[in-house]
Amino acid sequence: MTRVCLIEDDPIMGEALTQRLQLEGFDVVWQRTGGEGLQYLVKVGSDLAVIDVNLPDLSGIELFECLLREPGGPPPTLFITGYGTIEDAVRVLKLGAADYLTKPFSPTALIDKLRQLADAVPATGETEPPDALGLSSAMRRTAAELARIARHVDTPLLIAGESGVGKEVVARRLHRLQCPQAPFVAVNCAALPETLIEAELFGHERGAFTGAERRRAGVFEQAADGILFLDEIGDMPLPLQSRLLRVVQSRQVTRVGGTEPLEVAARLVCATHRDLAALVREGTFREDLYYRIRVLEIQIPPLRERPEDILWLAERFIAEHGRRFPDERRVLGAADREYLLRHPWPGNTRELQHALERACILGHGQHLALGPPTDASAEAGLKAQAQAGERAAILAALTAQDYKVTATAAQLGISRKTLWQKMKRYRLSRPDRGSR
């Protein structure tokens, strides 16, 4: 059962929501203040949280920011906000909150959003699969498709997506679903020299070519009854594509220099970041092979189109680094989360992983060294420059008005009180006339 922590100070709304959510099958814990809710989420935890922005002791935003500083971070959180606080709620969304509803709202809308979040996280007491693909609807859909695809062990699969998006991760997930005890053999077609790729794929007999001093099994044989993963299939040379087509169609392979065909039991999974249909039109990829390897196809969207997965992946990369290097355990802070969600990640998951590895290595204490190293100094420089400009403007106005506060404030367009405060901050006072 999914546990929901409801933090709401209104007794009528709190009771009504608690009863309705319980009727819908949720395990609801109702906390009436921000402090109580924070203490509960830190000490006990919850699968989901519903937090009112306006609370009597601690605002929902402050509560969420406190949770961001905790090692485990906040659970997937839905905010309830009234008119006039939507801007604050949007600001929290940028820090990683799941969504928000404005009052008055339909209980059905709240339940629908909670069910969407519940589908993405395991209920309390359950363990999230170590090979889960993500929180986004696209990756949950991919996981569901893989469960069906795993039943059809002879059908080729094509995985498409930008570089670094996680195509091999998806292929390995299929392997764990389909045949975890069998081999998983991965080959990057773009990384092999054209002179060796044929022997690498199909194997060779002794003496088949210069340097072939003994028989060698190709990757089709090595994969046995497991999975052969051919990455960057779009970079395979055109002459070799015809031979691969024959293997896929006949389910047999003949070693280079050999005559006896060998049965192929492995499932073929191909991946590419290129537009194979465009390559077919250009004549650089065989049309018959294209249709043969994409009987089943999975398209993985880039990371920028599934922001729900960014923080989810980041937490896992940081946790994995902490397990490997216990003295470098870092925590994802509020500023880190905002940076991660703002960055476009053109290199996708691979870029995110490398950025976090660097941030963990160069960080101090629990803090990550995330983002351009000059960000903080640049921000401090801009602030100092703005303050210097403001001080100069006030000093010029005071001099022009012979330090008459009322006249100077009118010239600057500010109140007398504000001018006094700024004069005190910048240590501006009428000079001693005797020193002139």
Protein backbone atom coordinates (compact mmCIF):
# COMPACT_ATOMS: atom_id res chain seq x y z
CA MET A 1 0.00 0.00 0.00
CA THR A 2 1.32 3.44 -0.96
CA ARG A 3 1.89 5.70 2.05
CA VAL A 4 1.01 9.39 1.65
CA CYS A 5 2.11 12.04 4.14
CA LEU A 6 -0.49 14.83 4.08
CA ILE A 7 0.68 18.12 5.61
CA GLU A 8 -2.35 20.41 5.90
CA ASP A 9 -3.33 22.76 8.74
CA ASP A 10 -6.97 23.24 7.72
CA PRO A 11 -8.91 20.72 9.85
CA ILE A 12 -11.86 20.45 7.46
CA MET A 13 -9.77 19.95 4.32
CA GLY A 14 -7.30 17.70 6.12
CA GLU A 15 -10.02 15.38 7.39
CA ALA A 16 -11.82 15.32 4.04
CA LEU A 17 -8.67 14.52 2.09
CA THR A 18 -7.60 11.86 4.58
CA GLN A 19 -10.94 10.06 4.33
CA ARG A 20 -11.06 10.25 0.54
CA LEU A 21 -7.49 9.02 0.08
CA GLN A 22 -8.08 6.14 2.48
CA LEU A 23 -11.17 5.15 0.49
CA GLU A 24 -9.00 5.13 -2.63
CA GLY A 25 -6.57 2.66 -1.02
CA PHE A 26 -3.80 4.97 0.18
CA ASP A 27 -2.20 4.71 3.62
CA VAL A 28 -2.52 8.32 4.84
CA VAL A 29 -0.58 9.99 7.65
CA TRP A 30 -1.97 13.48 8.38
CA GLN A 31 0.37 16.05 9.90
CA ARG A 32 -1.13 19.42 10.88
CA THR A 33 1.99 21.63 11.00
CA GLY A 34 5.11 22.02 8.94
CA GLY A 35 7.34 21.09 11.86
CA GLU A 36 5.47 17.87 12.56
CA GLY A 37 5.47 16.98 8.87
CA LEU A 38 9.19 17.63 8.55
CA GLN A 39 9.97 15.52 11.61
CA TYR A 40 7.83 12.66 10.32
CA LEU A 41 9.33 12.67 6.80
CA VAL A 42 12.90 12.81 8.13
CA LYS A 43 12.49 10.10 10.79
CA VAL A 44 9.90 7.77 9.23
CA GLY A 45 9.64 8.66 5.56
CA SER A 46 6.82 8.24 3.09
CA ASP A 47 6.24 7.10 -0.48
CA LEU A 48 4.55 10.37 -1.45
CA ALA A 49 3.88 13.74 0.16
CA VAL A 50 1.06 16.27 -0.24
CA ILE A 51 2.06 19.63 1.27
CA ASP A 52 0.13 22.85 1.64
CA VAL A 53 2.25 25.88 0.74
CA ASN A 54 0.75 28.02 3.54
CA LEU A 55 1.33 26.44 6.94
CA PRO A 56 1.19 28.22 10.33
CA ASP A 57 4.74 27.57 11.54
CA LEU A 58 6.83 26.60 8.53
CA SER A 59 5.90 27.27 4.92
CA GLY A 60 5.66 24.34 2.56
CA ILE A 61 8.55 25.78 0.57
CA GLU A 62 10.79 26.02 3.63
CA LEU A 63 9.80 22.49 4.59
CA PHE A 64 10.71 21.20 1.13
CA GLU A 65 14.05 23.02 1.19
CA CYS A 66 14.80 21.39 4.57
CA LEU A 67 14.07 17.98 3.06
CA LEU A 68 16.39 18.74 0.15
CA ARG A 69 19.25 19.06 2.62
CA GLU A 70 18.55 15.63 4.10
CA PRO A 71 20.58 12.68 2.77
CA GLY A 72 17.51 10.90 1.40
CA GLY A 73 15.91 14.01 -0.03
CA PRO A 74 12.13 14.50 -0.19
CA PRO A 75 9.70 11.89 -1.50
CA PRO A 76 7.79 12.71 -4.71
CA THR A 77 5.83 15.76 -3.58
CA LEU A 78 2.56 17.34 -4.70
CA PHE A 79 1.94 20.89 -3.48
CA ILE A 80 -1.42 22.47 -2.68
CA THR A 81 -1.43 26.21 -3.24
CA GLY A 82 -3.92 29.03 -3.02
CA TYR A 83 -4.23 32.09 -5.22
CA GLY A 84 -1.21 34.36 -5.01
CA THR A 85 1.27 31.60 -4.16
CA ILE A 86 1.48 29.90 -7.56
CA GLU A 87 4.80 31.64 -8.27
CA ASP A 88 6.24 30.07 -5.13
CA ALA A 89 4.91 26.67 -6.12
CA VAL A 90 6.49 26.93 -9.56
CA ARG A 91 9.78 27.84 -7.88
CA VAL A 92 9.59 24.65 -5.82
CA LEU A 93 8.87 22.64 -8.96
CA LYS A 94 12.21 23.80 -10.28
CA LEU A 95 13.80 22.30 -7.17
CA GLY A 96 12.28 18.91 -7.90
CA ALA A 97 8.68 18.87 -6.64
CA ALA A 98 6.46 16.64 -8.76
CA ASP A 99 3.46 18.93 -9.32
CA TYR A 100 0.99 21.32 -7.68
CA LEU A 101 -2.77 21.93 -7.53
CA THR A 102 -4.45 25.27 -6.95
CA LYS A 103 -7.32 25.65 -4.51
CA PRO A 104 -10.14 24.89 -4.90
CA PHE A 105 -9.35 21.64 -6.65
CA SER A 106 -11.19 18.44 -7.44
CA PRO A 107 -10.28 15.50 -5.16
CA THR A 108 -10.33 13.37 -8.31
CA ALA A 109 -7.55 15.50 -9.81
CA LEU A 110 -5.48 15.00 -6.66
CA ILE A 111 -6.05 11.25 -6.72
CA ASP A 112 -5.16 11.01 -10.43
CA LYS A 113 -1.86 12.82 -9.85
CA LEU A 114 -1.05 10.68 -6.81
CA ARG A 115 -1.75 7.51 -8.75
CA GLN A 116 0.63 8.67 -11.49
CA LEU A 117 3.32 9.26 -8.89
CA ALA A 118 2.54 5.99 -7.12
CA ASP A 119 3.04 4.07 -10.37
CA ALA A 120 6.57 5.45 -10.52
CA VAL A 121 7.70 4.56 -6.99
CA PRO A 122 7.56 1.34 -4.97
CA ALA A 123 5.20 1.27 -2.01
CA THR A 124 6.61 1.29 1.51
CA GLY A 125 8.13 -2.07 2.34
CA GLU A 126 8.85 -2.86 -1.32
CA THR A 127 12.27 -2.61 -2.91
CA GLU A 128 12.78 -0.68 -6.11
CA PRO A 129 14.33 -2.90 -8.79
CA PRO A 130 18.04 -2.18 -9.03
CA ASP A 131 17.67 -1.97 -12.83
CA ALA A 132 14.67 0.38 -12.88
CA LEU A 133 14.86 2.67 -15.89
CA GLY A 134 13.38 5.91 -14.55
CA LEU A 135 10.40 7.79 -13.15
CA SER A 136 9.18 9.34 -16.40
CA SER A 137 6.18 7.92 -18.20
CA ALA A 138 8.40 7.23 -21.24
CA MET A 139 10.80 5.03 -19.27
CA ARG A 140 8.03 3.29 -17.33
CA ARG A 141 6.41 2.52 -20.67
CA THR A 142 9.73 1.19 -21.96
CA ALA A 143 10.05 -1.06 -18.90
CA ALA A 144 6.56 -2.44 -19.53
CA GLU A 145 7.35 -3.05 -23.21
CA LEU A 146 10.54 -4.91 -22.31
CA ALA A 147 8.57 -7.27 -20.08
CA ARG A 148 6.45 -8.25 -23.10
CA ILE A 149 9.35 -8.30 -25.55
CA ALA A 150 11.32 -10.68 -23.29
CA ARG A 151 8.80 -13.45 -24.06
CA HIS A 152 9.61 -13.43 -27.79
CA VAL A 153 13.22 -14.56 -27.64
CA ASP A 154 13.85 -14.97 -31.39
CA THR A 155 12.55 -11.59 -32.57
CA PRO A 156 15.16 -8.89 -33.29
CA LEU A 157 14.89 -5.58 -31.44
CA LEU A 158 16.09 -2.11 -32.50
CA ILE A 159 16.78 0.49 -29.79
CA ALA A 160 17.01 4.05 -31.11
CA GLY A 161 17.99 7.27 -29.36
CA GLU A 162 20.63 9.97 -29.08
CA SER A 163 24.16 9.16 -27.96
CA GLY A 164 24.43 8.66 -24.21
CA VAL A 165 20.72 8.17 -23.73
CA GLY A 166 21.06 4.68 -22.21
CA LYS A 167 20.48 2.24 -25.06
CA GLU A 168 22.80 -0.40 -23.64
CA VAL A 169 21.16 -0.01 -20.21
CA VAL A 170 17.83 -0.90 -21.84
CA ALA A 171 19.41 -3.86 -23.65
CA ARG A 172 20.87 -5.17 -20.39
CA ARG A 173 17.49 -4.78 -18.70
CA LEU A 174 16.00 -6.99 -21.43
CA HIS A 175 18.79 -9.51 -20.82
CA ARG A 176 17.94 -9.70 -17.11
CA LEU A 177 14.29 -10.21 -17.95
CA GLN A 178 14.81 -12.74 -20.71
CA CYS A 179 17.89 -14.83 -19.93
CA PRO A 180 19.90 -13.62 -16.92
CA GLN A 181 22.04 -16.76 -16.79
CA ALA A 182 22.99 -16.63 -20.50
CA PRO A 183 25.75 -14.45 -22.00
CA PHE A 184 25.32 -10.79 -22.90
CA VAL A 185 27.81 -9.83 -25.61
CA ALA A 186 28.12 -6.17 -26.66
CA VAL A 187 29.89 -4.99 -29.82
CA ASN A 188 30.30 -1.38 -30.94
CA CYS A 189 30.23 -1.52 -34.72
CA ALA A 190 31.70 1.98 -35.00
CA ALA A 191 34.73 1.11 -32.86
CA LEU A 192 35.94 -1.92 -34.84
CA PRO A 193 38.33 -1.55 -37.80
CA GLU A 194 36.56 -2.44 -41.05
CA THR A 195 39.21 -5.09 -41.75
CA LEU A 196 38.43 -6.93 -38.50
CA ILE A 197 34.70 -6.49 -38.08
CA GLU A 198 33.73 -9.50 -40.20
CA ALA A 199 36.00 -11.86 -38.26
CA GLU A 200 34.80 -10.30 -34.99
CA LEU A 201 31.15 -10.90 -35.83
CA PHE A 202 31.31 -14.29 -37.48
CA GLY A 203 34.59 -15.78 -36.19
CA HIS A 204 37.29 -17.36 -38.32
CA GLU A 205 39.02 -20.66 -38.97
CA ARG A 206 42.71 -21.19 -38.45
CA GLY A 207 44.66 -19.86 -41.45
CA ALA A 208 41.67 -17.93 -42.82
CA PHE A 209 43.89 -14.83 -43.16
CA THR A 210 47.34 -13.65 -42.15
CA GLY A 211 47.62 -13.77 -38.38
CA ALA A 212 44.76 -16.25 -37.89
CA GLU A 213 46.88 -18.79 -36.03
CA ARG A 214 43.92 -20.54 -34.41
CA ARG A 215 40.19 -20.89 -34.73
CA ARG A 216 38.20 -18.11 -33.07
CA ALA A 217 34.51 -18.00 -32.26
CA GLY A 218 32.65 -14.88 -33.38
CA VAL A 219 30.30 -12.88 -31.20
CA PHE A 220 27.25 -14.77 -32.48
CA GLU A 221 28.77 -17.97 -31.12
CA GLN A 222 29.96 -16.27 -27.92
CA ALA A 223 26.44 -15.02 -27.20
CA ALA A 224 25.17 -18.62 -27.36
CA ASP A 225 21.50 -18.57 -26.29
CA GLY A 226 21.78 -15.12 -24.72
CA ILE A 227 21.74 -11.66 -26.30
CA LEU A 228 24.06 -10.14 -28.90
CA PHE A 229 24.00 -6.35 -28.68
CA LEU A 230 25.24 -4.58 -31.82
CA ASP A 231 25.65 -0.91 -30.95
CA GLU A 232 25.85 1.79 -33.65
CA ILE A 233 24.50 -0.58 -36.30
CA GLY A 234 24.12 2.43 -38.62
CA ASP A 235 27.93 2.60 -38.94
CA MET A 236 28.28 -0.95 -40.23
CA PRO A 237 29.92 -1.05 -43.71
CA LEU A 238 27.45 -1.69 -46.51
CA PRO A 239 29.15 -4.90 -47.82
CA LEU A 240 28.94 -6.45 -44.37
CA GLN A 241 25.25 -5.62 -44.04
CA SER A 242 24.31 -8.21 -46.66
CA ARG A 243 26.07 -10.96 -44.74
CA LEU A 244 24.44 -9.88 -41.47
CA LEU A 245 21.07 -10.02 -43.25
CA ARG A 246 21.70 -13.63 -44.25
CA VAL A 247 22.55 -14.52 -40.64
CA VAL A 248 19.40 -12.86 -39.33
CA GLN A 249 17.21 -14.58 -41.92
CA SER A 250 18.75 -18.05 -41.79
CA ARG A 251 19.71 -18.08 -38.09
CA GLN A 252 23.02 -19.59 -39.20
CA VAL A 253 26.57 -18.22 -39.34
CA THR A 254 29.65 -19.42 -41.18
CA ARG A 255 33.10 -18.52 -39.88
CA VAL A 256 35.49 -16.65 -42.15
CA GLY A 257 37.42 -19.31 -44.04
CA GLY A 258 34.93 -21.99 -43.04
CA THR A 259 32.31 -23.97 -44.94
CA GLU A 260 30.08 -25.47 -42.27
CA PRO A 261 27.19 -23.27 -41.07
CA LEU A 262 26.58 -23.03 -37.33
CA GLU A 263 23.17 -22.52 -35.74
CA VAL A 264 22.60 -19.10 -34.14
CA ALA A 265 20.56 -19.15 -30.94
CA ALA A 266 21.28 -15.64 -29.66
CA ARG A 267 18.74 -12.88 -29.82
CA LEU A 268 19.90 -9.91 -31.88
CA VAL A 269 19.45 -6.46 -30.30
CA CYS A 270 20.70 -3.51 -32.37
CA ALA A 271 21.07 0.12 -31.36
CA THR A 272 21.71 3.36 -33.20
CA HIS A 273 21.75 7.12 -32.66
CA ARG A 274 21.34 7.69 -36.38
CA ASP A 275 18.19 7.93 -38.52
CA LEU A 276 18.29 4.56 -40.25
CA ALA A 277 15.33 5.44 -42.50
CA ALA A 278 17.31 8.43 -43.80
CA LEU A 279 20.35 6.20 -44.35
CA VAL A 280 18.16 3.83 -46.35
CA ARG A 281 17.03 6.74 -48.56
CA GLU A 282 20.67 7.76 -49.02
CA GLY A 283 21.58 4.21 -50.03
CA THR A 284 24.07 3.68 -47.19
CA PHE A 285 21.94 1.19 -45.25
CA ARG A 286 20.14 -1.80 -46.72
CA GLU A 287 16.39 -1.46 -46.73
CA ASP A 288 15.79 -5.20 -46.28
CA LEU A 289 18.14 -5.31 -43.27
CA TYR A 290 16.47 -2.21 -41.82
CA TYR A 291 13.05 -3.86 -41.80
CA ARG A 292 14.49 -7.15 -40.54
CA ILE A 293 16.21 -5.73 -37.44
CA ARG A 294 13.34 -3.42 -36.45
CA VAL A 295 10.57 -5.97 -36.16
CA LEU A 296 10.37 -4.58 -32.63
CA GLU A 297 11.57 -1.05 -31.89
CA ILE A 298 12.05 1.06 -28.77
CA GLN A 299 12.69 4.80 -29.06
CA ILE A 300 14.36 6.33 -25.99
CA PRO A 301 13.72 10.08 -25.69
CA PRO A 302 16.61 12.39 -24.74
CA LEU A 303 17.07 13.31 -21.10
CA ARG A 304 15.94 16.92 -21.68
CA GLU A 305 12.48 15.59 -22.64
CA ARG A 306 12.08 13.59 -19.43
CA PRO A 307 13.19 15.92 -16.60
CA GLU A 308 11.56 13.63 -14.02
CA ASP A 309 14.47 11.24 -14.54
CA ILE A 310 17.25 13.79 -14.04
CA LEU A 311 17.16 13.98 -10.24
CA TRP A 312 16.24 10.28 -9.99
CA LEU A 313 19.37 9.34 -11.94
CA ALA A 314 21.49 11.90 -10.09
CA GLU A 315 20.59 10.43 -6.70
CA ARG A 316 21.61 6.98 -7.92
CA PHE A 317 24.90 8.10 -9.41
CA ILE A 318 25.80 9.92 -6.18
CA ALA A 319 24.78 6.94 -4.03
CA GLU A 320 26.84 4.58 -6.19
CA HIS A 321 29.89 6.84 -5.90
CA GLY A 322 29.40 6.96 -2.12
CA ARG A 323 29.32 3.16 -1.94
CA ARG A 324 32.56 2.91 -3.88
CA PHE A 325 34.26 5.75 -2.01
CA PRO A 326 32.77 6.05 1.49
CA ASP A 327 34.89 9.12 2.29
CA GLU A 328 33.30 10.96 -0.65
CA ARG A 329 29.63 10.67 0.28
CA ARG A 330 27.91 13.76 -1.10
CA VAL A 331 24.36 15.12 -0.85
CA LEU A 332 22.35 16.76 -3.60
CA GLY A 333 21.49 20.26 -2.34
CA ALA A 334 18.79 22.67 -3.46
CA ALA A 335 21.16 24.69 -5.68
CA ASP A 336 22.48 21.43 -7.19
CA ARG A 337 18.95 20.31 -8.06
CA GLU A 338 18.15 23.63 -9.69
CA TYR A 339 21.35 23.46 -11.74
CA LEU A 340 20.64 19.88 -12.87
CA LEU A 341 17.10 20.73 -13.96
CA ARG A 342 18.22 23.87 -15.78
CA HIS A 343 21.05 22.24 -17.77
CA PRO A 344 20.01 20.88 -21.23
CA TRP A 345 22.24 17.74 -21.03
CA PRO A 346 23.11 17.39 -24.72
CA GLY A 347 25.17 14.32 -23.79
CA ASN A 348 22.17 12.81 -21.99
CA THR A 349 22.63 10.27 -19.20
CA ARG A 350 26.31 9.72 -19.96
CA GLU A 351 27.03 13.45 -19.56
CA LEU A 352 25.01 13.55 -16.33
CA GLN A 353 26.93 10.61 -14.90
CA HIS A 354 30.32 12.11 -15.76
CA ALA A 355 29.33 15.52 -14.36
CA LEU A 356 28.28 13.97 -11.06
CA GLU A 357 31.39 11.81 -10.85
CA ARG A 358 33.49 14.96 -11.20
CA ALA A 359 31.30 16.80 -8.69
CA CYS A 360 31.70 13.99 -6.15
CA ILE A 361 35.47 13.78 -6.56
CA LEU A 362 36.03 17.55 -6.29
CA GLY A 363 33.39 18.19 -3.62
CA HIS A 364 34.01 18.82 0.07
CA GLY A 365 32.14 17.27 2.99
CA GLN A 366 28.58 16.63 1.87
CA HIS A 367 28.73 19.32 -0.83
CA LEU A 368 29.09 18.62 -4.52
CA ALA A 369 31.35 20.68 -6.80
CA LEU A 370 28.65 20.90 -9.44
CA GLY A 371 28.44 23.39 -12.31
CA PRO A 372 31.01 25.74 -13.81
CA PRO A 373 33.64 26.52 -11.13
CA THR A 374 33.38 30.26 -11.81
CA ASP A 375 29.65 30.55 -11.07
CA ALA A 376 30.02 31.61 -7.44
CA SER A 377 32.81 34.10 -8.06
CA ALA A 378 30.97 35.58 -11.04
CA GLU A 379 27.82 36.04 -8.99
CA ALA A 380 29.79 37.65 -6.16
CA GLY A 381 31.53 39.95 -8.64
CA LEU A 382 28.23 41.10 -10.16
CA LYS A 383 26.78 41.77 -6.72
CA ALA A 384 29.82 43.82 -5.67
CA GLN A 385 29.70 45.75 -8.92
CA ALA A 386 26.00 46.56 -8.45
CA GLN A 387 26.57 47.70 -4.87
CA ALA A 388 29.49 49.91 -5.94
CA GLY A 389 27.32 51.51 -8.61
CA GLU A 390 24.49 52.13 -6.15
CA ARG A 391 26.88 53.71 -3.60
CA ALA A 392 28.34 56.01 -6.27
CA ALA A 393 24.85 57.15 -7.37
CA ILE A 394 23.77 57.89 -3.80
CA LEU A 395 27.00 59.75 -3.06
CA ALA A 396 26.57 61.89 -6.18
CA ALA A 397 22.97 62.75 -5.27
CA LEU A 398 23.93 63.62 -1.68
CA THR A 399 26.71 65.89 -2.89
CA ALA A 400 24.37 67.61 -5.38
CA GLN A 401 21.76 68.23 -2.67
CA ASP A 402 24.30 69.29 -0.02
CA TYR A 403 23.44 66.15 2.01
CA LYS A 404 19.82 67.22 2.48
CA VAL A 405 18.14 63.89 3.03
CA THR A 406 14.63 64.85 1.95
CA ALA A 407 15.78 66.43 -1.31
CA THR A 408 18.22 63.60 -2.03
CA ALA A 409 15.54 60.94 -1.46
CA ALA A 410 13.20 62.80 -3.81
CA GLN A 411 15.91 62.98 -6.48
CA LEU A 412 16.61 59.24 -6.20
CA GLY A 413 12.92 58.32 -6.07
CA ILE A 414 13.15 56.49 -2.73
CA SER A 415 11.84 57.17 0.76
CA ARG A 416 13.78 58.98 3.49
CA LYS A 417 13.90 55.75 5.52
CA THR A 418 15.35 53.79 2.61
CA LEU A 419 17.96 56.47 2.00
CA TRP A 420 19.01 56.46 5.67
CA GLN A 421 19.36 52.65 5.56
CA LYS A 422 21.50 52.77 2.43
CA MET A 423 23.67 55.58 3.83
CA LYS A 424 24.27 53.48 6.92
CA ARG A 425 25.06 50.37 4.84
CA TYR A 426 27.53 52.24 2.63
CA ARG A 427 28.89 54.38 5.53
CA LEU A 428 27.95 57.66 3.89
CA SER A 429 27.72 60.76 6.08
CA ARG A 430 28.11 64.53 5.73
CA PRO A 431 31.82 65.31 5.65
CA ASP A 432 33.27 67.55 8.36
CA ARG A 433 33.06 71.07 6.97
CA GLY A 434 36.29 71.93 8.74
CA SER A 435 38.15 69.46 6.58
CA ARG A 436 37.11 71.08 3.35
